[in-house]
């Protein structure tokens, strides 16, 4: 029997966001978990859609999983007011594919 190799390489980041749109650190993945700890609501955008009508609104202390991406560089965020940190974790899949 060979040693188990976990192919789901994950990375964790934190990012300071303000009212100016900021792109997440580039990381190859298929999904990203974003946790808003800014103390303010944030808008999250993906795939170059940055109009308010395309925003996902995330209140402080809420989290979301964005699936169907290929890189976190396709995701950006900004606060509605003020500044603070978001935390995010990249992963390639949610469940273990046996």
PDB file of N, CA and C in Angstrom:
ATOM      1  N   UNK A   1       0.845  -1.181   0.000  1.00  0.00           N
ATOM      2  CA  UNK A   1       0.000   0.000   0.000  1.00  0.00           C
ATOM      3  C   UNK A   1       0.891   1.244   0.000  1.00  0.00           C
ATOM      4  N   UNK A   2       0.581   2.184  -0.866  1.00  0.00           N
ATOM      5  CA  UNK A   2       1.384   3.398  -0.953  1.00  0.00           C
ATOM      6  C   UNK A   2       0.887   4.454   0.034  1.00  0.00           C
ATOM      7  N   UNK A   3       1.751   5.425   0.304  1.00  0.00           N
ATOM      8  CA  UNK A   3       1.385   6.516   1.202  1.00  0.00           C
ATOM      9  C   UNK A   3       0.302   7.378   0.567  1.00  0.00           C
ATOM     10  N   UNK A   4      -0.573   7.879   1.406  1.00  0.00           N
ATOM     11  CA  UNK A   4      -1.649   8.769   0.960  1.00  0.00           C
ATOM     12  C   UNK A   4      -1.059  10.121   0.572  1.00  0.00           C
ATOM     13  N   UNK A   5      -1.505  10.677  -0.553  1.00  0.00           N
ATOM     14  CA  UNK A   5      -1.086  12.002  -0.994  1.00  0.00           C
ATOM     15  C   UNK A   5      -2.340  12.852  -1.174  1.00  0.00           C
ATOM     16  N   UNK A   6      -2.442  13.928  -0.430  1.00  0.00           N
ATOM     17  CA  UNK A   6      -3.582  14.835  -0.526  1.00  0.00           C
ATOM     18  C   UNK A   6      -3.344  15.774  -1.706  1.00  0.00           C
ATOM     19  N   UNK A   7      -4.190  15.661  -2.726  1.00  0.00           N
ATOM     20  CA  UNK A   7      -4.043  16.491  -3.917  1.00  0.00           C
ATOM     21  C   UNK A   7      -4.772  17.823  -3.792  1.00  0.00           C
ATOM     22  N   UNK A   8      -5.476  18.031  -2.686  1.00  0.00           N
ATOM     23  CA  UNK A   8      -6.219  19.271  -2.481  1.00  0.00           C
ATOM     24  C   UNK A   8      -5.336  20.274  -1.738  1.00  0.00           C
ATOM     25  N   UNK A   9      -4.424  20.894  -2.455  1.00  0.00           N
ATOM     26  CA  UNK A   9      -3.521  21.874  -1.864  1.00  0.00           C
ATOM     27  C   UNK A   9      -4.291  23.161  -1.578  1.00  0.00           C
ATOM     28  N   UNK A  10      -4.281  23.588  -0.328  1.00  0.00           N
ATOM     29  CA  UNK A  10      -5.016  24.780   0.096  1.00  0.00           C
ATOM     30  C   UNK A  10      -4.027  25.840   0.570  1.00  0.00           C
ATOM     31  N   UNK A  11      -4.427  27.097   0.441  1.00  0.00           N
ATOM     32  CA  UNK A  11      -3.645  28.219   0.947  1.00  0.00           C
ATOM     33  C   UNK A  11      -4.573  29.178   1.659  1.00  0.00           C
ATOM     34  N   UNK A  12      -4.082  29.823   2.711  1.00  0.00           N
ATOM     35  CA  UNK A  12      -4.860  30.782   3.477  1.00  0.00           C
ATOM     36  C   UNK A  12      -4.198  32.151   3.398  1.00  0.00           C
ATOM     37  N   UNK A  13      -5.017  33.188   3.232  1.00  0.00           N
ATOM     38  CA  UNK A  13      -4.528  34.558   3.093  1.00  0.00           C
ATOM     39  C   UNK A  13      -5.387  35.506   3.922  1.00  0.00           C
ATOM     40  N   UNK A  14      -4.844  36.695   4.196  1.00  0.00           N
ATOM     41  CA  UNK A  14      -5.658  37.813   4.674  1.00  0.00           C
ATOM     42  C   UNK A  14      -5.329  38.998   3.786  1.00  0.00           C
ATOM     43  N   UNK A  15      -6.296  39.888   3.648  1.00  0.00           N
ATOM     44  CA  UNK A  15      -6.153  40.991   2.713  1.00  0.00           C
ATOM     45  C   UNK A  15      -6.840  42.220   3.274  1.00  0.00           C
ATOM     46  N   UNK A  16      -6.134  43.333   3.299  1.00  0.00           N
ATOM     47  CA  UNK A  16      -6.715  44.602   3.717  1.00  0.00           C
ATOM     48  C   UNK A  16      -7.526  45.164   2.562  1.00  0.00           C
ATOM     49  N   UNK A  17      -8.789  45.501   2.840  1.00  0.00           N
ATOM     50  CA  UNK A  17      -9.653  46.074   1.805  1.00  0.00           C
ATOM     51  C   UNK A  17     -10.199  47.410   2.275  1.00  0.00           C
ATOM     52  N   UNK A  18     -10.438  48.287   1.307  1.00  0.00           N
ATOM     53  CA  UNK A  18     -11.007  49.608   1.553  1.00  0.00           C
ATOM     54  C   UNK A  18     -12.158  49.793   0.569  1.00  0.00           C
ATOM     55  N   UNK A  19     -12.555  51.019   0.364  1.00  0.00           N
ATOM     56  CA  UNK A  19     -13.627  51.308  -0.597  1.00  0.00           C
ATOM     57  C   UNK A  19     -13.135  51.229  -2.034  1.00  0.00           C
ATOM     58  N   UNK A  20     -11.830  51.060  -2.222  1.00  0.00           N
ATOM     59  CA  UNK A  20     -11.261  50.864  -3.564  1.00  0.00           C
ATOM     60  C   UNK A  20     -11.194  49.363  -3.851  1.00  0.00           C
ATOM     61  N   UNK A  21     -11.565  48.986  -5.039  1.00  0.00           N
ATOM     62  CA  UNK A  21     -11.586  47.581  -5.428  1.00  0.00           C
ATOM     63  C   UNK A  21     -10.182  46.989  -5.379  1.00  0.00           C
ATOM     64  N   UNK A  22     -10.048  45.815  -4.737  1.00  0.00           N
ATOM     65  CA  UNK A  22      -8.758  45.139  -4.642  1.00  0.00           C
ATOM     66  C   UNK A  22      -8.931  43.673  -5.052  1.00  0.00           C
ATOM     67  N   UNK A  23      -7.973  43.192  -5.818  1.00  0.00           N
ATOM     68  CA  UNK A  23      -7.980  41.828  -6.321  1.00  0.00           C
ATOM     69  C   UNK A  23      -7.337  40.896  -5.292  1.00  0.00           C
ATOM     70  N   UNK A  24      -7.865  39.679  -5.163  1.00  0.00           N
ATOM     71  CA  UNK A  24      -7.269  38.695  -4.280  1.00  0.00           C
ATOM     72  C   UNK A  24      -5.933  38.230  -4.846  1.00  0.00           C
ATOM     73  N   UNK A  25      -5.041  37.824  -3.951  1.00  0.00           N
ATOM     74  CA  UNK A  25      -3.723  37.302  -4.332  1.00  0.00           C
ATOM     75  C   UNK A  25      -3.896  36.128  -5.286  1.00  0.00           C
ATOM     76  N   UNK A  26      -3.238  36.105  -6.442  1.00  0.00           N
ATOM     77  CA  UNK A  26      -3.416  35.013  -7.396  1.00  0.00           C
ATOM     78  C   UNK A  26      -3.024  33.652  -6.824  1.00  0.00           C
ATOM     79  N   UNK A  27      -3.922  32.708  -6.936  1.00  0.00           N
ATOM     80  CA  UNK A  27      -3.681  31.334  -6.493  1.00  0.00           C
ATOM     81  C   UNK A  27      -4.581  30.423  -7.319  1.00  0.00           C
ATOM     82  N   UNK A  28      -4.009  29.433  -7.970  1.00  0.00           N
ATOM     83  CA  UNK A  28      -4.793  28.490  -8.753  1.00  0.00           C
ATOM     84  C   UNK A  28      -5.667  27.669  -7.818  1.00  0.00           C
ATOM     85  N   UNK A  29      -6.965  27.632  -8.110  1.00  0.00           N
ATOM     86  CA  UNK A  29      -7.920  26.878  -7.295  1.00  0.00           C
ATOM     87  C   UNK A  29      -9.249  26.810  -8.035  1.00  0.00           C
ATOM     88  N   UNK A  30     -10.169  25.999  -7.529  1.00  0.00           N
ATOM     89  CA  UNK A  30     -11.502  25.952  -8.134  1.00  0.00           C
ATOM     90  C   UNK A  30     -12.551  26.607  -7.247  1.00  0.00           C
ATOM     91  N   UNK A  31     -12.182  26.905  -5.993  1.00  0.00           N
ATOM     92  CA  UNK A  31     -13.102  27.610  -5.108  1.00  0.00           C
ATOM     93  C   UNK A  31     -12.335  28.345  -4.021  1.00  0.00           C
ATOM     94  N   UNK A  32     -12.995  29.366  -3.478  1.00  0.00           N
ATOM     95  CA  UNK A  32     -12.375  30.165  -2.429  1.00  0.00           C
ATOM     96  C   UNK A  32     -13.429  30.473  -1.365  1.00  0.00           C
ATOM     97  N   UNK A  33     -13.037  30.332  -0.109  1.00  0.00           N
ATOM     98  CA  UNK A  33     -13.885  30.686   1.025  1.00  0.00           C
ATOM     99  C   UNK A  33     -13.444  32.074   1.474  1.00  0.00           C
ATOM    100  N   UNK A  34     -14.389  33.021   1.550  1.00  0.00           N
ATOM    101  CA  UNK A  34     -14.079  34.389   1.958  1.00  0.00           C
ATOM    102  C   UNK A  34     -14.818  34.682   3.260  1.00  0.00           C
ATOM    103  N   UNK A  35     -14.099  35.209   4.245  1.00  0.00           N
ATOM    104  CA  UNK A  35     -14.675  35.582   5.533  1.00  0.00           C
ATOM    105  C   UNK A  35     -14.462  37.078   5.718  1.00  0.00           C
ATOM    106  N   UNK A  36     -15.547  37.801   5.949  1.00  0.00           N
ATOM    107  CA  UNK A  36     -15.487  39.252   6.105  1.00  0.00           C
ATOM    108  C   UNK A  36     -15.322  39.611   7.575  1.00  0.00           C
ATOM    109  N   UNK A  37     -14.175  40.162   7.925  1.00  0.00           N
ATOM    110  CA  UNK A  37     -13.904  40.632   9.289  1.00  0.00           C
ATOM    111  C   UNK A  37     -13.572  42.118   9.292  1.00  0.00           C
ATOM    112  N   UNK A  38     -14.109  42.864   8.309  1.00  0.00           N
ATOM    113  CA  UNK A  38     -13.780  44.288   8.182  1.00  0.00           C
ATOM    114  C   UNK A  38     -14.506  45.173   9.181  1.00  0.00           C
ATOM    115  N   UNK A  39     -15.617  44.680   9.729  1.00  0.00           N
ATOM    116  CA  UNK A  39     -16.463  45.536  10.555  1.00  0.00           C
ATOM    117  C   UNK A  39     -17.464  46.307   9.705  1.00  0.00           C
ATOM    118  N   UNK A  40     -17.421  46.101   8.404  1.00  0.00           N
ATOM    119  CA  UNK A  40     -18.318  46.755   7.444  1.00  0.00           C
ATOM    120  C   UNK A  40     -18.792  45.724   6.426  1.00  0.00           C
ATOM    121  N   UNK A  41     -19.830  46.040   5.709  1.00  0.00           N
ATOM    122  CA  UNK A  41     -20.260  45.183   4.601  1.00  0.00           C
ATOM    123  C   UNK A  41     -19.269  45.332   3.458  1.00  0.00           C
ATOM    124  N   UNK A  42     -19.115  44.259   2.685  1.00  0.00           N
ATOM    125  CA  UNK A  42     -18.249  44.310   1.510  1.00  0.00           C
ATOM    126  C   UNK A  42     -19.026  43.842   0.289  1.00  0.00           C
ATOM    127  N   UNK A  43     -18.568  44.270  -0.861  1.00  0.00           N
ATOM    128  CA  UNK A  43     -19.042  43.741  -2.138  1.00  0.00           C
ATOM    129  C   UNK A  43     -17.949  42.850  -2.691  1.00  0.00           C
ATOM    130  N   UNK A  44     -18.332  41.662  -3.153  1.00  0.00           N
ATOM    131  CA  UNK A  44     -17.404  40.709  -3.759  1.00  0.00           C
ATOM    132  C   UNK A  44     -17.794  40.551  -5.218  1.00  0.00           C
ATOM    133  N   UNK A  45     -16.807  40.572  -6.093  1.00  0.00           N
ATOM    134  CA  UNK A  45     -17.039  40.475  -7.536  1.00  0.00           C
ATOM    135  C   UNK A  45     -16.188  39.340  -8.097  1.00  0.00           C
ATOM    136  N   UNK A  46     -16.616  38.789  -9.233  1.00  0.00           N
ATOM    137  CA  UNK A  46     -15.792  37.778  -9.889  1.00  0.00           C
ATOM    138  C   UNK A  46     -15.826  37.933 -11.400  1.00  0.00           C
ATOM    139  N   UNK A  47     -14.822  37.370 -12.031  1.00  0.00           N
ATOM    140  CA  UNK A  47     -14.706  37.284 -13.485  1.00  0.00           C
ATOM    141  C   UNK A  47     -14.835  38.623 -14.202  1.00  0.00           C
ATOM    142  N   UNK A  48     -14.330  39.694 -13.592  1.00  0.00           N
ATOM    143  CA  UNK A  48     -14.311  40.994 -14.244  1.00  0.00           C
ATOM    144  C   UNK A  48     -15.609  41.780 -14.178  1.00  0.00           C
ATOM    145  N   UNK A  49     -16.630  41.225 -13.563  1.00  0.00           N
ATOM    146  CA  UNK A  49     -17.895  41.945 -13.420  1.00  0.00           C
ATOM    147  C   UNK A  49     -17.813  42.803 -12.168  1.00  0.00           C
ATOM    148  N   UNK A  50     -17.736  44.123 -12.319  1.00  0.00           N
ATOM    149  CA  UNK A  50     -17.531  45.004 -11.170  1.00  0.00           C
ATOM    150  C   UNK A  50     -18.659  46.011 -10.980  1.00  0.00           C
ATOM    151  N   UNK A  51     -19.750  45.870 -11.720  1.00  0.00           N
ATOM    152  CA  UNK A  51     -20.909  46.738 -11.510  1.00  0.00           C
ATOM    153  C   UNK A  51     -21.602  46.326 -10.214  1.00  0.00           C
ATOM    154  N   UNK A  52     -22.162  47.290  -9.508  1.00  0.00           N
ATOM    155  CA  UNK A  52     -22.860  46.999  -8.244  1.00  0.00           C
ATOM    156  C   UNK A  52     -23.936  45.938  -8.435  1.00  0.00           C
ATOM    157  N   UNK A  53     -24.558  45.908  -9.604  1.00  0.00           N
ATOM    158  CA  UNK A  53     -25.598  44.910  -9.865  1.00  0.00           C
ATOM    159  C   UNK A  53     -25.038  43.496  -9.948  1.00  0.00           C
ATOM    160  N   UNK A  54     -23.712  43.348 -10.061  1.00  0.00           N
ATOM    161  CA  UNK A  54     -23.076  42.031 -10.116  1.00  0.00           C
ATOM    162  C   UNK A  54     -22.401  41.660  -8.804  1.00  0.00           C
ATOM    163  N   UNK A  55     -22.563  42.484  -7.768  1.00  0.00           N
ATOM    164  CA  UNK A  55     -21.875  42.267  -6.491  1.00  0.00           C
ATOM    165  C   UNK A  55     -22.585  41.243  -5.620  1.00  0.00           C
ATOM    166  N   UNK A  56     -21.787  40.499  -4.872  1.00  0.00           N
ATOM    167  CA  UNK A  56     -22.298  39.671  -3.787  1.00  0.00           C
ATOM    168  C   UNK A  56     -22.062  40.462  -2.506  1.00  0.00           C
ATOM    169  N   UNK A  57     -23.124  40.791  -1.794  1.00  0.00           N
ATOM    170  CA  UNK A  57     -23.013  41.572  -0.568  1.00  0.00           C
ATOM    171  C   UNK A  57     -22.737  40.635   0.595  1.00  0.00           C
ATOM    172  N   UNK A  58     -21.688  40.925   1.338  1.00  0.00           N
ATOM    173  CA  UNK A  58     -21.293  40.096   2.472  1.00  0.00           C
ATOM    174  C   UNK A  58     -21.150  40.995   3.694  1.00  0.00           C
ATOM    175  N   UNK A  59     -22.026  40.797   4.668  1.00  0.00           N
ATOM    176  CA  UNK A  59     -21.961  41.590   5.892  1.00  0.00           C
ATOM    177  C   UNK A  59     -20.781  41.148   6.745  1.00  0.00           C
ATOM    178  N   UNK A  60     -20.392  41.979   7.708  1.00  0.00           N
ATOM    179  CA  UNK A  60     -19.278  41.641   8.580  1.00  0.00           C
ATOM    180  C   UNK A  60     -19.581  40.348   9.335  1.00  0.00           C
ATOM    181  N   UNK A  61     -18.572  39.528   9.516  1.00  0.00           N
ATOM    182  CA  UNK A  61     -18.643  38.216  10.178  1.00  0.00           C
ATOM    183  C   UNK A  61     -19.412  37.168   9.377  1.00  0.00           C
ATOM    184  N   UNK A  62     -19.729  37.451   8.126  1.00  0.00           N
ATOM    185  CA  UNK A  62     -20.329  36.448   7.251  1.00  0.00           C
ATOM    186  C   UNK A  62     -19.247  35.857   6.359  1.00  0.00           C
ATOM    187  N   UNK A  63     -19.554  34.683   5.797  1.00  0.00           N
ATOM    188  CA  UNK A  63     -18.622  34.033   4.883  1.00  0.00           C
ATOM    189  C   UNK A  63     -19.374  33.511   3.669  1.00  0.00           C
ATOM    190  N   UNK A  64     -18.626  33.231   2.624  1.00  0.00           N
ATOM    191  CA  UNK A  64     -19.202  32.721   1.380  1.00  0.00           C
ATOM    192  C   UNK A  64     -18.163  31.826   0.716  1.00  0.00           C
ATOM    193  N   UNK A  65     -18.633  30.842  -0.032  1.00  0.00           N
ATOM    194  CA  UNK A  65     -17.755  30.017  -0.860  1.00  0.00           C
ATOM    195  C   UNK A  65     -18.081  30.311  -2.315  1.00  0.00           C
ATOM    196  N   UNK A  66     -17.078  30.751  -3.066  1.00  0.00           N
ATOM    197  CA  UNK A  66     -17.235  30.977  -4.499  1.00  0.00           C
ATOM    198  C   UNK A  66     -16.650  29.776  -5.227  1.00  0.00           C
ATOM    199  N   UNK A  67     -17.474  29.118  -6.022  1.00  0.00           N
ATOM    200  CA  UNK A  67     -17.030  27.949  -6.784  1.00  0.00           C
ATOM    201  C   UNK A  67     -16.995  28.288  -8.266  1.00  0.00           C
ATOM    202  N   UNK A  68     -16.331  27.442  -9.034  1.00  0.00           N
ATOM    203  CA  UNK A  68     -16.314  27.621 -10.478  1.00  0.00           C
ATOM    204  C   UNK A  68     -15.305  28.632 -10.971  1.00  0.00           C
ATOM    205  N   UNK A  69     -14.297  28.916 -10.167  1.00  0.00           N
ATOM    206  CA  UNK A  69     -13.226  29.810 -10.610  1.00  0.00           C
ATOM    207  C   UNK A  69     -11.999  28.960 -10.925  1.00  0.00           C
ATOM    208  N   UNK A  70     -11.024  29.532 -11.566  1.00  0.00           N
ATOM    209  CA  UNK A  70      -9.769  28.821 -11.828  1.00  0.00           C
ATOM    210  C   UNK A  70      -8.584  29.482 -11.133  1.00  0.00           C
ATOM    211  N   UNK A  71      -8.813  30.709 -10.645  1.00  0.00           N
ATOM    212  CA  UNK A  71      -7.759  31.436  -9.946  1.00  0.00           C
ATOM    213  C   UNK A  71      -8.412  32.531  -9.106  1.00  0.00           C
ATOM    214  N   UNK A  72      -7.872  32.759  -7.911  1.00  0.00           N
ATOM    215  CA  UNK A  72      -8.438  33.807  -7.058  1.00  0.00           C
ATOM    216  C   UNK A  72      -8.228  35.199  -7.643  1.00  0.00           C
ATOM    217  N   UNK A  73      -7.345  35.330  -8.630  1.00  0.00           N
ATOM    218  CA  UNK A  73      -7.176  36.634  -9.272  1.00  0.00           C
ATOM    219  C   UNK A  73      -8.436  37.064 -10.017  1.00  0.00           C
ATOM    220  N   UNK A  74      -9.386  36.147 -10.207  1.00  0.00           N
ATOM    221  CA  UNK A  74     -10.673  36.482 -10.829  1.00  0.00           C
ATOM    222  C   UNK A  74     -11.648  37.091  -9.827  1.00  0.00           C
ATOM    223  N   UNK A  75     -11.252  37.155  -8.550  1.00  0.00           N
ATOM    224  CA  UNK A  75     -12.126  37.645  -7.486  1.00  0.00           C
ATOM    225  C   UNK A  75     -11.558  38.935  -6.909  1.00  0.00           C
ATOM    226  N   UNK A  76     -12.436  39.901  -6.668  1.00  0.00           N
ATOM    227  CA  UNK A  76     -12.031  41.157  -6.046  1.00  0.00           C
ATOM    228  C   UNK A  76     -13.093  41.585  -5.048  1.00  0.00           C
ATOM    229  N   UNK A  77     -12.716  42.510  -4.169  1.00  0.00           N
ATOM    230  CA  UNK A  77     -13.637  42.946  -3.115  1.00  0.00           C
ATOM    231  C   UNK A  77     -13.354  44.389  -2.738  1.00  0.00           C
ATOM    232  N   UNK A  78     -14.363  45.016  -2.127  1.00  0.00           N
ATOM    233  CA  UNK A  78     -14.197  46.357  -1.561  1.00  0.00           C
ATOM    234  C   UNK A  78     -15.232  46.535  -0.466  1.00  0.00           C
ATOM    235  N   UNK A  79     -14.924  47.402   0.484  1.00  0.00           N
ATOM    236  CA  UNK A  79     -15.877  47.707   1.544  1.00  0.00           C
ATOM    237  C   UNK A  79     -16.872  48.742   1.041  1.00  0.00           C
ATOM    238  N   UNK A  80     -18.021  48.805   1.699  1.00  0.00           N
ATOM    239  CA  UNK A  80     -18.974  49.860   1.383  1.00  0.00           C
ATOM    240  C   UNK A  80     -18.598  51.144   2.112  1.00  0.00           C
ATOM    241  N   UNK A  81     -17.854  51.000   3.209  1.00  0.00           N
ATOM    242  CA  UNK A  81     -17.350  52.137   3.984  1.00  0.00           C
ATOM    243  C   UNK A  81     -16.199  51.636   4.848  1.00  0.00           C
ATOM    244  N   UNK A  82     -15.252  52.499   5.126  1.00  0.00           N
ATOM    245  CA  UNK A  82     -14.161  52.128   6.024  1.00  0.00           C
ATOM    246  C   UNK A  82     -13.192  51.141   5.399  1.00  0.00           C
ATOM    247  N   UNK A  83     -12.468  50.456   6.270  1.00  0.00           N
ATOM    248  CA  UNK A  83     -11.485  49.473   5.818  1.00  0.00           C
ATOM    249  C   UNK A  83     -11.368  48.367   6.860  1.00  0.00           C
ATOM    250  N   UNK A  84     -10.724  47.301   6.488  1.00  0.00           N
ATOM    251  CA  UNK A  84     -10.511  46.176   7.387  1.00  0.00           C
ATOM    252  C   UNK A  84      -9.988  44.987   6.619  1.00  0.00           C
ATOM    253  N   UNK A  85      -9.976  43.836   7.277  1.00  0.00           N
ATOM    254  CA  UNK A  85      -9.412  42.638   6.675  1.00  0.00           C
ATOM    255  C   UNK A  85     -10.473  41.614   6.305  1.00  0.00           C
ATOM    256  N   UNK A  86     -10.248  41.001   5.144  1.00  0.00           N
ATOM    257  CA  UNK A  86     -10.978  39.789   4.803  1.00  0.00           C
ATOM    258  C   UNK A  86      -9.976  38.645   4.893  1.00  0.00           C
ATOM    259  N   UNK A  87     -10.462  37.473   5.143  1.00  0.00           N
ATOM    260  CA  UNK A  87      -9.638  36.273   5.207  1.00  0.00           C
ATOM    261  C   UNK A  87     -10.186  35.310   4.176  1.00  0.00           C
ATOM    262  N   UNK A  88      -9.305  34.608   3.480  1.00  0.00           N
ATOM    263  CA  UNK A  88      -9.792  33.660   2.493  1.00  0.00           C
ATOM    264  C   UNK A  88      -8.885  32.445   2.394  1.00  0.00           C
ATOM    265  N   UNK A  89      -9.503  31.345   1.997  1.00  0.00           N
ATOM    266  CA  UNK A  89      -8.801  30.072   1.855  1.00  0.00           C
ATOM    267  C   UNK A  89      -9.141  29.477   0.507  1.00  0.00           C
ATOM    268  N   UNK A  90      -8.110  29.125  -0.230  1.00  0.00           N
ATOM    269  CA  UNK A  90      -8.296  28.518  -1.534  1.00  0.00           C
ATOM    270  C   UNK A  90      -8.333  27.001  -1.389  1.00  0.00           C
ATOM    271  N   UNK A  91      -9.061  26.350  -2.283  1.00  0.00           N
ATOM    272  CA  UNK A  91      -9.047  24.897  -2.326  1.00  0.00           C
ATOM    273  C   UNK A  91      -9.447  24.457  -3.724  1.00  0.00           C
ATOM    274  N   UNK A  92      -9.119  23.220  -4.029  1.00  0.00           N
ATOM    275  CA  UNK A  92      -9.412  22.691  -5.355  1.00  0.00           C
ATOM    276  C   UNK A  92     -10.720  21.917  -5.408  1.00  0.00           C
ATOM    277  N   UNK A  93     -11.185  21.430  -4.278  1.00  0.00           N
ATOM    278  CA  UNK A  93     -12.466  20.752  -4.215  1.00  0.00           C
ATOM    279  C   UNK A  93     -12.944  20.705  -2.780  1.00  0.00           C
ATOM    280  N   UNK A  94     -14.275  20.612  -2.603  1.00  0.00           N
ATOM    281  CA  UNK A  94     -14.876  20.620  -1.268  1.00  0.00           C
ATOM    282  C   UNK A  94     -14.852  19.251  -0.607  1.00  0.00           C
ATOM    283  N   UNK A  95     -15.020  18.227  -1.397  1.00  0.00           N
ATOM    284  CA  UNK A  95     -15.109  16.869  -0.862  1.00  0.00           C
ATOM    285  C   UNK A  95     -13.967  16.028  -1.403  1.00  0.00           C
ATOM    286  N   UNK A  96     -13.629  15.012  -0.679  1.00  0.00           N
ATOM    287  CA  UNK A  96     -12.532  14.150  -1.081  1.00  0.00           C
ATOM    288  C   UNK A  96     -12.966  13.229  -2.216  1.00  0.00           C
ATOM    289  N   UNK A  97     -12.351  13.350  -3.373  1.00  0.00           N
ATOM    290  CA  UNK A  97     -12.721  12.472  -4.501  1.00  0.00           C
ATOM    291  C   UNK A  97     -11.988  11.126  -4.405  1.00  0.00           C
ATOM    292  N   UNK A  98     -12.676  10.118  -4.031  1.00  0.00           N
ATOM    293  CA  UNK A  98     -12.045   8.786  -3.919  1.00  0.00           C
ATOM    294  C   UNK A  98     -12.136   8.035  -5.210  1.00  0.00           C
TER     295      UNK A  98
END
